C-alpha atoms as a PDB file:
ATOM      1  CA  UNK A   1     112.573 -14.851   8.060  1.00  0.00           C
ATOM      2  CA  UNK A   2     115.394 -15.528   5.612  1.00  0.00           C
ATOM      3  CA  UNK A   3     113.167 -17.258   3.024  1.00  0.00           C
ATOM      4  CA  UNK A   4     111.125 -14.103   2.622  1.00  0.00           C
ATOM      5  CA  UNK A   5     114.239 -12.131   1.800  1.00  0.00           C
ATOM      6  CA  UNK A   6     115.539 -14.691  -0.652  1.00  0.00           C
ATOM      7  CA  UNK A   7     112.161 -14.804  -2.561  1.00  0.00           C
ATOM      8  CA  UNK A   8     111.886 -10.984  -2.724  1.00  0.00           C
ATOM      9  CA  UNK A   9     113.327  -9.510  -5.898  1.00  0.00           C
ATOM     10  CA  UNK A  10     114.088  -5.935  -4.787  1.00  0.00           C
ATOM     11  CA  UNK A  11     115.245  -4.963  -8.238  1.00  0.00           C
ATOM     12  CA  UNK A  12     111.813  -5.742  -9.675  1.00  0.00           C
ATOM     13  CA  UNK A  13     110.016  -3.879  -6.890  1.00  0.00           C
ATOM     14  CA  UNK A  14     112.301  -0.937  -7.200  1.00  0.00           C
ATOM     15  CA  UNK A  15     111.941  -0.759 -10.989  1.00  0.00           C
ATOM     16  CA  UNK A  16     108.147  -0.728 -10.708  1.00  0.00           C
ATOM     17  CA  UNK A  17     108.219   1.994  -8.079  1.00  0.00           C
ATOM     18  CA  UNK A  18     110.540   4.132 -10.191  1.00  0.00           C
ATOM     19  CA  UNK A  19     108.345   3.635 -13.300  1.00  0.00           C
ATOM     20  CA  UNK A  20     105.191   4.518 -11.382  1.00  0.00           C
ATOM     21  CA  UNK A  21     106.761   7.638  -9.896  1.00  0.00           C
ATOM     22  CA  UNK A  22     107.961   8.671 -13.392  1.00  0.00           C
ATOM     23  CA  UNK A  23     104.512   8.329 -14.896  1.00  0.00           C
ATOM     24  CA  UNK A  24     102.749  10.076 -12.022  1.00  0.00           C
ATOM     25  CA  UNK A  25     105.133  13.015 -12.146  1.00  0.00           C
ATOM     26  CA  UNK A  26     105.130  13.225 -15.958  1.00  0.00           C
ATOM     27  CA  UNK A  27     101.362  13.406 -16.398  1.00  0.00           C
ATOM     28  CA  UNK A  28     100.800  17.100 -15.886  1.00  0.00           C
ATOM     29  CA  UNK A  29      97.801  19.230 -16.832  1.00  0.00           C
ATOM     30  CA  UNK A  30      97.982  22.998 -17.090  1.00  0.00           C
ATOM     31  CA  UNK A  31      94.502  24.483 -16.989  1.00  0.00           C
ATOM     32  CA  UNK A  32      93.120  27.965 -16.711  1.00  0.00           C
ATOM     33  CA  UNK A  33      89.884  28.475 -14.769  1.00  0.00           C
ATOM     34  CA  UNK A  34      87.811  31.365 -13.482  1.00  0.00           C
ATOM     35  CA  UNK A  35      89.020  32.565 -10.073  1.00  0.00           C
ATOM     36  CA  UNK A  36      87.853  30.550  -7.093  1.00  0.00           C
ATOM     37  CA  UNK A  37      88.734  30.817  -3.415  1.00  0.00           C
ATOM     38  CA  UNK A  38      88.154  27.157  -2.578  1.00  0.00           C
ATOM     39  CA  UNK A  39      91.035  25.448  -4.442  1.00  0.00           C
ATOM     40  CA  UNK A  40      94.454  25.279  -2.881  1.00  0.00           C
ATOM     41  CA  UNK A  41      97.785  23.510  -3.642  1.00  0.00           C
ATOM     42  CA  UNK A  42      97.606  20.000  -2.216  1.00  0.00           C
ATOM     43  CA  UNK A  43      93.866  19.579  -2.968  1.00  0.00           C
ATOM     44  CA  UNK A  44      92.758  16.633  -5.036  1.00  0.00           C
ATOM     45  CA  UNK A  45      90.462  17.373  -7.968  1.00  0.00           C
ATOM     46  CA  UNK A  46      88.799  15.185 -10.635  1.00  0.00           C
ATOM     47  CA  UNK A  47      89.634  15.960 -14.240  1.00  0.00           C
ATOM     48  CA  UNK A  48      87.440  14.399 -16.926  1.00  0.00           C
ATOM     49  CA  UNK A  49      89.187  14.212 -20.273  1.00  0.00           C
ATOM     50  CA  UNK A  50      87.272  12.834 -23.292  1.00  0.00           C
ATOM     51  CA  UNK A  51      88.760   9.863 -25.152  1.00  0.00           C
ATOM     52  CA  UNK A  52      89.470  11.299 -28.622  1.00  0.00           C
ATOM     53  CA  UNK A  53      90.668   8.216 -30.342  1.00  0.00           C
ATOM     54  CA  UNK A  54      89.111   7.679 -33.774  1.00  0.00           C
ATOM     55  CA  UNK A  55      87.013   4.727 -32.822  1.00  0.00           C
ATOM     56  CA  UNK A  56      85.569   6.242 -29.616  1.00  0.00           C
ATOM     57  CA  UNK A  57      82.721   8.656 -29.101  1.00  0.00           C
ATOM     58  CA  UNK A  58      83.428  11.960 -27.417  1.00  0.00           C
ATOM     59  CA  UNK A  59      81.276  10.967 -24.448  1.00  0.00           C
ATOM     60  CA  UNK A  60      83.679   8.302 -23.223  1.00  0.00           C
ATOM     61  CA  UNK A  61      86.409   9.398 -20.780  1.00  0.00           C
ATOM     62  CA  UNK A  62      90.078   8.702 -21.440  1.00  0.00           C
ATOM     63  CA  UNK A  63      90.931   5.676 -19.299  1.00  0.00           C
ATOM     64  CA  UNK A  64      94.434   6.824 -18.240  1.00  0.00           C
ATOM     65  CA  UNK A  65      94.250  10.609 -18.333  1.00  0.00           C
ATOM     66  CA  UNK A  66      90.873  11.148 -16.656  1.00  0.00           C
ATOM     67  CA  UNK A  67      90.741  10.833 -12.887  1.00  0.00           C
ATOM     68  CA  UNK A  68      92.179  12.381  -9.769  1.00  0.00           C
ATOM     69  CA  UNK A  69      94.892  15.080  -9.906  1.00  0.00           C
ATOM     70  CA  UNK A  70      96.749  16.904  -7.179  1.00  0.00           C
ATOM     71  CA  UNK A  71      96.860  20.686  -7.377  1.00  0.00           C
ATOM     72  CA  UNK A  72     100.612  21.423  -7.509  1.00  0.00           C
ATOM     73  CA  UNK A  73     100.472  25.228  -7.896  1.00  0.00           C
ATOM     74  CA  UNK A  74      98.148  28.108  -8.669  1.00  0.00           C
ATOM     75  CA  UNK A  75      98.954  31.481 -10.250  1.00  0.00           C
ATOM     76  CA  UNK A  76      96.336  34.221  -9.932  1.00  0.00           C
ATOM     77  CA  UNK A  77      95.720  36.770 -12.644  1.00  0.00           C
ATOM     78  CA  UNK A  78      93.678  39.807 -11.662  1.00  0.00           C
ATOM     79  CA  UNK A  79      92.492  42.051 -14.384  1.00  0.00           C
ATOM     80  CA  UNK A  80      89.940  44.887 -14.378  1.00  0.00           C
ATOM     81  CA  UNK A  81      86.911  42.644 -14.665  1.00  0.00           C
ATOM     82  CA  UNK A  82      88.339  39.161 -14.587  1.00  0.00           C
ATOM     83  CA  UNK A  83      90.051  36.891 -12.086  1.00  0.00           C
ATOM     84  CA  UNK A  84      91.691  33.800 -13.654  1.00  0.00           C
ATOM     85  CA  UNK A  85      93.838  31.060 -12.220  1.00  0.00           C
ATOM     86  CA  UNK A  86      96.519  29.073 -13.963  1.00  0.00           C
ATOM     87  CA  UNK A  87      96.510  25.718 -12.229  1.00  0.00           C
ATOM     88  CA  UNK A  88      99.159  22.979 -12.550  1.00  0.00           C
ATOM     89  CA  UNK A  89      97.795  19.503 -11.857  1.00  0.00           C
ATOM     90  CA  UNK A  90      99.753  16.259 -11.276  1.00  0.00           C
ATOM     91  CA  UNK A  91      98.174  12.873 -11.926  1.00  0.00           C
ATOM     92  CA  UNK A  92      97.414  11.254  -8.578  1.00  0.00           C
ATOM     93  CA  UNK A  93      97.129   7.610  -9.670  1.00  0.00           C
ATOM     94  CA  UNK A  94      96.974   5.458 -12.754  1.00  0.00           C
ATOM     95  CA  UNK A  95      94.172   3.097 -11.835  1.00  0.00           C
ATOM     96  CA  UNK A  96      91.406   2.811  -9.317  1.00  0.00           C
ATOM     97  CA  UNK A  97      90.371   6.445  -9.648  1.00  0.00           C
END
């Protein structure tokens, strides 16, 4: 249908996609946790980050930073009595978590 193509503004759609991709790949969390054998790259985990703005209580979660993250990579550190993992997390979505 030619009317559909005329009404579609691909530059607007493309710009929104690029912006969303930029924000999702730029929100990265680097965390260190105790060693676990049930977390793998590609898994989706929930990260709860308190909202630390001056007018908020520490019990409220940050509306944009809290939510689902994809495990990008894991580095294991084995020491004599400790197993730790450095985990890189990428934000999975901006709303609807």
